[in-house]
Amino acid sequence: MKSKICGISDSETLKYLTEHPNPPQYIGFIVNYPKSKRFVKHNKLKELLKIDKKNSKYVAVLVQPDENILEEIKDLSFDYYQIYDCTPTEISSIKKKYKKKIIVSITIKDQNDVIKYIEYNGLADIVLFDSKGYEKSISFDHQLIKNLKINKELMLAGNLQIEDKLENYKEIADIIDISGGLETSGLKDISKINIFLNKIKQINDEA
């Protein structure tokens, strides 16, 4: 099972992640969604992304990105664009133009939302199932996606916590994506991050 830590907005935390003995495979930055307390302004983002990613991939989290933001970030060292609220046609043109790998984000309330992934299956490198919360950490019923058989890596997000039985997510997803669950008083907490990364390592060692 792989991991993604999202909502990174300071260099100290980012260096800690990239230098950790068990770093996350993916590190996410909120690029164009100011409603999120984890949003990073462009100038700060440019500085952050100068930090050597080492063995992790950098992910731009984008909500309905327009051409302005896509042009603004096109030369930054992102490996993936994680995109919310775009049509398959929009995603197709972004993928073609910017030559980035795409994480298509499907927000789930009920079973009707789950099947939307089919429209994106040919475009997505990874399919992310998330809650409808966006900047708020809320959950959705993971049973809705438990038996999905898709030919892509499946990422799971939506109010995951380090106290959860993380090994149970292994049955559902290839990658788990955690953000608020690694925070104390709204800020990333190094001790929680360490517990989480070591737990993932332990789960994989036991597999």
Protein backbone atom coordinates (compact mmCIF):
# COMPACT_ATOMS: atom_id res chain seq x y z
CA MET A 1 0.00 0.00 0.00
CA LYS A 2 1.33 3.42 -0.98
CA SER A 3 0.69 6.72 0.78
CA LYS A 4 0.05 10.34 -0.12
CA ILE A 5 0.31 13.19 2.35
CA CYS A 6 -1.62 16.21 1.20
CA GLY A 7 -1.89 19.88 2.07
CA ILE A 8 1.79 20.60 2.62
CA SER A 9 2.44 24.32 2.97
CA ASP A 10 5.76 24.79 4.79
CA SER A 11 9.35 23.86 4.02
CA GLU A 12 10.10 22.26 7.40
CA THR A 13 7.35 19.65 6.96
CA LEU A 14 8.24 19.08 3.32
CA LYS A 15 11.91 18.45 4.15
CA TYR A 16 10.85 16.08 6.92
CA LEU A 17 8.75 14.08 4.44
CA THR A 18 11.36 13.87 1.70
CA GLU A 19 14.12 12.93 4.14
CA HIS A 20 12.08 10.37 6.11
CA PRO A 21 13.39 6.78 5.93
CA ASN A 22 9.90 5.71 4.77
CA PRO A 23 8.76 8.71 2.72
CA PRO A 24 5.28 8.94 1.20
CA GLN A 25 5.13 8.09 -2.50
CA TYR A 26 3.10 11.24 -3.16
CA ILE A 27 3.11 14.72 -1.60
CA GLY A 28 0.23 17.07 -2.42
CA PHE A 29 0.01 20.87 -2.55
CA ILE A 30 -3.25 22.87 -2.73
CA VAL A 31 -2.56 25.08 -5.73
CA ASN A 32 -5.71 27.00 -6.66
CA TYR A 33 -8.29 26.58 -3.90
CA PRO A 34 -8.03 29.54 -1.48
CA LYS A 35 -10.97 28.28 0.62
CA SER A 36 -8.64 25.63 1.98
CA LYS A 37 -6.50 26.63 4.95
CA ARG A 38 -3.78 24.53 3.27
CA PHE A 39 -3.77 26.65 0.10
CA VAL A 40 -0.28 27.79 -0.99
CA LYS A 41 0.19 31.04 -2.91
CA HIS A 42 2.19 30.83 -6.12
CA ASN A 43 5.41 32.52 -4.96
CA LYS A 44 5.60 30.36 -1.87
CA LEU A 45 4.79 27.28 -3.93
CA LYS A 46 7.71 28.00 -6.27
CA GLU A 47 10.07 28.16 -3.28
CA LEU A 48 8.68 24.97 -1.73
CA LEU A 49 9.05 23.01 -4.94
CA LYS A 50 12.77 23.77 -5.05
CA ILE A 51 13.14 21.25 -2.22
CA ASP A 52 14.48 17.98 -3.62
CA LYS A 53 11.57 15.52 -3.79
CA LYS A 54 14.00 12.56 -3.63
CA ASN A 55 11.83 9.40 -3.77
CA SER A 56 8.42 11.09 -3.66
CA LYS A 57 6.24 12.52 -6.43
CA TYR A 58 4.88 16.05 -6.20
CA VAL A 59 1.14 16.47 -6.85
CA ALA A 60 -0.69 19.71 -7.74
CA VAL A 61 -4.21 19.61 -6.31
CA LEU A 62 -6.44 21.59 -8.68
CA VAL A 63 -10.15 22.40 -8.45
CA GLN A 64 -11.64 23.34 -11.85
CA PRO A 65 -8.31 24.78 -13.01
CA ASP A 66 -8.48 27.47 -15.68
CA GLU A 67 -5.85 28.17 -18.29
CA ASN A 68 -4.27 30.95 -16.20
CA ILE A 69 -3.35 28.66 -13.32
CA LEU A 70 -2.29 25.85 -15.63
CA GLU A 71 0.07 28.18 -17.48
CA GLU A 72 1.36 29.58 -14.19
CA ILE A 73 2.40 26.16 -12.86
CA LYS A 74 3.41 24.39 -16.07
CA ASP A 75 7.15 24.71 -15.43
CA LEU A 76 7.00 23.71 -11.75
CA SER A 77 8.27 20.29 -10.75
CA PHE A 78 4.91 18.56 -10.44
CA ASP A 79 4.69 14.91 -11.48
CA TYR A 80 0.90 14.65 -11.21
CA TYR A 81 -2.12 16.93 -11.47
CA GLN A 82 -4.92 15.86 -9.11
CA ILE A 83 -8.04 17.36 -10.66
CA TYR A 84 -11.50 17.96 -9.21
CA ASP A 85 -14.67 19.02 -11.05
CA CYS A 86 -13.52 18.86 -14.67
CA THR A 87 -15.26 17.05 -17.51
CA PRO A 88 -13.51 14.19 -19.32
CA THR A 89 -13.01 16.54 -22.30
CA GLU A 90 -11.33 19.17 -20.11
CA ILE A 91 -9.06 16.60 -18.50
CA SER A 92 -8.16 15.15 -21.87
CA SER A 93 -7.01 18.54 -23.16
CA ILE A 94 -5.04 19.28 -19.94
CA LYS A 95 -3.30 15.93 -20.19
CA LYS A 96 -2.46 16.43 -23.84
CA LYS A 97 -1.22 20.00 -23.46
CA TYR A 98 0.77 19.74 -20.23
CA LYS A 99 1.98 16.12 -20.49
CA LYS A 100 1.36 15.41 -16.81
CA LYS A 101 0.09 12.25 -15.18
CA ILE A 102 -3.47 12.72 -13.95
CA ILE A 103 -5.19 11.76 -10.72
CA VAL A 104 -8.91 12.08 -11.42
CA SER A 105 -10.81 12.91 -8.23
CA ILE A 106 -14.33 11.52 -7.91
CA THR A 107 -16.23 12.92 -4.92
CA ILE A 108 -18.63 10.42 -3.39
CA LYS A 109 -21.94 10.82 -1.63
CA ASP A 110 -23.72 7.68 -2.86
CA GLN A 111 -23.43 4.82 -5.36
CA ASN A 112 -24.42 7.07 -8.28
CA ASP A 113 -21.23 9.07 -7.78
CA VAL A 114 -19.03 5.96 -7.77
CA ILE A 115 -19.79 4.94 -11.35
CA LYS A 116 -18.65 8.32 -12.69
CA TYR A 117 -15.10 6.98 -12.71
CA ILE A 118 -15.97 4.98 -15.84
CA GLU A 119 -16.12 8.21 -17.89
CA TYR A 120 -12.55 9.03 -16.87
CA ASN A 121 -11.01 5.58 -16.93
CA GLY A 122 -9.08 6.10 -20.13
CA LEU A 123 -7.69 9.45 -18.93
CA ALA A 124 -6.73 8.75 -15.35
CA ASP A 125 -3.38 7.38 -14.27
CA ILE A 126 -4.84 7.07 -10.77
CA VAL A 127 -8.50 7.28 -9.71
CA LEU A 128 -9.08 9.02 -6.37
CA PHE A 129 -12.30 8.51 -4.44
CA ASP A 130 -12.82 11.35 -1.98
CA SER A 131 -15.64 12.78 0.12
CA LYS A 132 -17.66 15.82 -0.92
CA GLY A 133 -15.87 17.81 1.79
CA TYR A 134 -13.11 19.53 -0.21
CA GLU A 135 -11.54 21.80 2.40
CA LYS A 136 -13.47 20.13 5.24
CA SER A 137 -12.40 16.66 6.35
CA ILE A 138 -15.53 14.54 6.04
CA SER A 139 -15.99 10.86 5.33
CA PHE A 140 -17.94 8.73 2.90
CA ASP A 141 -18.97 5.07 3.10
CA HIS A 142 -15.96 3.09 1.89
CA GLN A 143 -18.16 0.04 1.33
CA LEU A 144 -19.41 1.83 -1.80
CA ILE A 145 -16.07 1.24 -3.51
CA LYS A 146 -14.94 -1.91 -1.74
CA ASN A 147 -15.70 -4.32 -4.58
CA LEU A 148 -14.74 -2.11 -7.49
CA LYS A 149 -12.49 -3.77 -10.01
CA ILE A 150 -10.77 -1.06 -11.97
CA ASN A 151 -7.64 -1.38 -14.06
CA LYS A 152 -6.02 1.67 -12.48
CA GLU A 153 -4.46 2.35 -9.14
CA LEU A 154 -7.15 3.43 -6.73
CA MET A 155 -6.50 6.16 -4.19
CA LEU A 156 -8.70 6.72 -1.14
CA ALA A 157 -9.17 10.02 0.75
CA GLY A 158 -11.76 11.64 2.99
CA ASN A 159 -11.12 12.12 6.70
CA LEU A 160 -8.69 9.22 7.16
CA GLN A 161 -7.11 9.16 10.61
CA ILE A 162 -3.90 7.61 11.92
CA GLU A 163 -5.93 5.85 14.64
CA ASP A 164 -7.88 4.00 11.92
CA LYS A 165 -7.03 0.38 11.22
CA LEU A 166 -5.00 1.40 8.20
CA GLU A 167 -4.44 -2.22 7.17
CA ASN A 168 -8.19 -2.48 6.43
CA TYR A 169 -7.82 0.11 3.67
CA LYS A 170 -5.49 -2.27 1.88
CA GLU A 171 -8.50 -4.32 0.80
CA ILE A 172 -10.03 -1.24 -0.82
CA ALA A 173 -7.22 0.94 -2.16
CA ASP A 174 -3.68 0.90 -3.54
CA ILE A 175 -2.89 4.34 -2.12
CA ILE A 176 -4.26 6.16 0.92
CA ASP A 177 -4.33 9.94 0.97
CA ILE A 178 -4.28 11.68 4.33
CA SER A 179 -4.20 15.36 5.28
CA GLY A 180 -6.24 16.57 8.26
CA GLY A 181 -5.54 13.31 10.10
CA LEU A 182 -1.90 14.37 10.38
CA GLU A 183 -2.65 17.77 11.89
CA THR A 184 -2.90 19.23 15.37
CA SER A 185 -4.77 22.53 15.69
CA GLY A 186 -4.83 22.84 11.89
CA LEU A 187 -1.08 22.43 11.35
CA LYS A 188 0.85 19.40 10.15
CA ASP A 189 2.21 17.50 13.15
CA ILE A 190 5.62 15.85 12.62
CA SER A 191 4.99 13.23 15.31
CA LYS A 192 1.70 12.14 13.68
CA ILE A 193 3.38 12.04 10.26
CA ASN A 194 6.12 9.81 11.67
CA ILE A 195 3.58 7.41 13.21
CA PHE A 196 1.65 7.25 9.95
CA LEU A 197 4.67 6.60 7.69
CA ASN A 198 6.01 3.93 10.03
CA LYS A 199 2.58 2.27 10.20
CA ILE A 200 2.43 2.08 6.41
CA LYS A 201 5.93 0.56 6.34
CA GLN A 202 4.89 -2.00 8.95
CA ILE A 203 1.72 -2.95 7.00
CA ASN A 204 3.77 -3.45 3.85
CA ASP A 205 6.44 -5.46 5.68
CA GLU A 206 3.77 -7.79 7.05
CA ALA A 207 2.12 -8.33 3.67
